[in-house]
């Protein structure tokens, strides 16, 4: 398994002060809270994890060789998410 970072992910991680180590820890140890099975070219997943006391959401996909393609990462906020940070507000 290899981690592949899309340009969008790298730009957003830099802007949001999120490291590769943090992203990889969320993917490896976090909880998948949403699945986008119909995404193309590969299904993608939204994962919630807590790293260094910071809640993070990471969106990633897996290709047919089981490589992880990181799409974006961000710190969820309560304007869009319920307090559990797993449920979107309507």
Protein backbone atom coordinates (compact mmCIF):
# COMPACT_ATOMS: atom_id res chain seq x y z
CA UNK A 1 0.00 0.00 0.00
CA UNK A 2 1.22 3.44 -0.95
CA UNK A 3 -0.15 6.87 -0.06
CA UNK A 4 -0.76 9.12 -3.07
CA UNK A 5 -1.55 12.75 -2.30
CA UNK A 6 -3.58 14.71 -4.86
CA UNK A 7 -2.45 18.29 -5.44
CA UNK A 8 -5.71 19.55 -3.89
CA UNK A 9 -4.96 17.58 -0.70
CA UNK A 10 -1.41 18.92 -0.47
CA UNK A 11 -2.59 22.51 -0.92
CA UNK A 12 -5.36 22.17 1.66
CA UNK A 13 -3.14 20.36 4.17
CA UNK A 14 -0.57 23.17 3.87
CA UNK A 15 -3.26 25.86 4.31
CA UNK A 16 -4.77 24.04 7.30
CA UNK A 17 -1.50 23.02 8.97
CA UNK A 18 -2.24 19.28 8.70
CA UNK A 19 0.70 16.89 8.28
CA UNK A 20 0.98 13.69 6.25
CA UNK A 21 1.58 11.83 9.51
CA UNK A 22 -1.73 13.11 10.89
CA UNK A 23 -3.61 12.22 7.69
CA UNK A 24 -2.17 8.71 7.62
CA UNK A 25 -2.99 8.17 11.29
CA UNK A 26 -6.63 9.16 10.66
CA UNK A 27 -6.86 6.79 7.70
CA UNK A 28 -5.25 3.91 9.61
CA UNK A 29 -7.02 4.39 12.97
CA UNK A 30 -10.05 6.57 12.34
CA UNK A 31 -13.69 5.70 11.74
CA UNK A 32 -15.27 5.77 8.29
CA UNK A 33 -18.34 7.96 8.75
CA UNK A 34 -19.47 8.22 5.12
CA UNK A 35 -18.86 6.06 2.04
CA UNK A 36 -19.20 7.28 -1.52
CA UNK A 37 -19.28 3.96 -3.34
CA UNK A 38 -20.34 5.48 -6.68
CA UNK A 39 -17.45 7.98 -6.85
CA UNK A 40 -15.26 7.71 -9.93
CA UNK A 41 -12.69 6.55 -10.72
CA UNK A 42 -12.65 4.85 -7.27
CA UNK A 43 -15.02 4.66 -4.30
CA UNK A 44 -14.08 7.18 -1.61
CA UNK A 45 -14.52 7.48 2.13
CA UNK A 46 -14.82 10.21 4.75
CA UNK A 47 -12.97 9.26 7.90
CA UNK A 48 -12.98 10.92 11.32
CA UNK A 49 -10.00 10.62 13.60
CA UNK A 50 -8.42 12.38 16.55
CA UNK A 51 -4.70 13.08 16.30
CA UNK A 52 -2.73 15.06 18.86
CA UNK A 53 -6.02 16.20 20.41
CA UNK A 54 -7.30 17.55 17.08
CA UNK A 55 -10.36 16.13 15.30
CA UNK A 56 -9.72 15.65 11.59
CA UNK A 57 -11.76 14.56 8.59
CA UNK A 58 -9.88 12.91 5.73
CA UNK A 59 -11.43 12.02 2.38
CA UNK A 60 -9.60 9.30 0.48
CA UNK A 61 -10.10 6.62 -2.14
CA UNK A 62 -8.50 3.22 -2.68
CA UNK A 63 -7.49 1.98 -6.11
CA UNK A 64 -7.50 -1.61 -7.33
CA UNK A 65 -3.94 -2.09 -6.02
CA UNK A 66 -5.04 -0.95 -2.52
CA UNK A 67 -3.13 2.35 -2.77
CA UNK A 68 -4.64 5.17 -0.73
CA UNK A 69 -5.39 8.32 -2.71
CA UNK A 70 -5.76 11.27 -0.34
CA UNK A 71 -8.30 13.77 -1.71
CA UNK A 72 -8.57 16.32 1.10
CA UNK A 73 -8.23 16.82 4.85
CA UNK A 74 -9.77 19.38 7.16
CA UNK A 75 -10.72 20.17 10.73
CA UNK A 76 -14.51 19.76 10.96
CA UNK A 77 -16.45 22.63 12.50
CA UNK A 78 -19.74 22.79 14.33
CA UNK A 79 -21.38 25.04 11.74
CA UNK A 80 -21.60 22.05 9.36
CA UNK A 81 -21.37 19.08 11.76
CA UNK A 82 -23.22 17.92 14.87
CA UNK A 83 -21.18 17.75 18.07
CA UNK A 84 -20.22 14.13 17.38
CA UNK A 85 -18.49 15.41 14.18
CA UNK A 86 -19.97 12.36 12.41
CA UNK A 87 -23.39 13.75 11.49
CA UNK A 88 -23.94 16.59 9.03
CA UNK A 89 -26.29 19.38 10.05
CA UNK A 90 -29.30 19.86 7.80
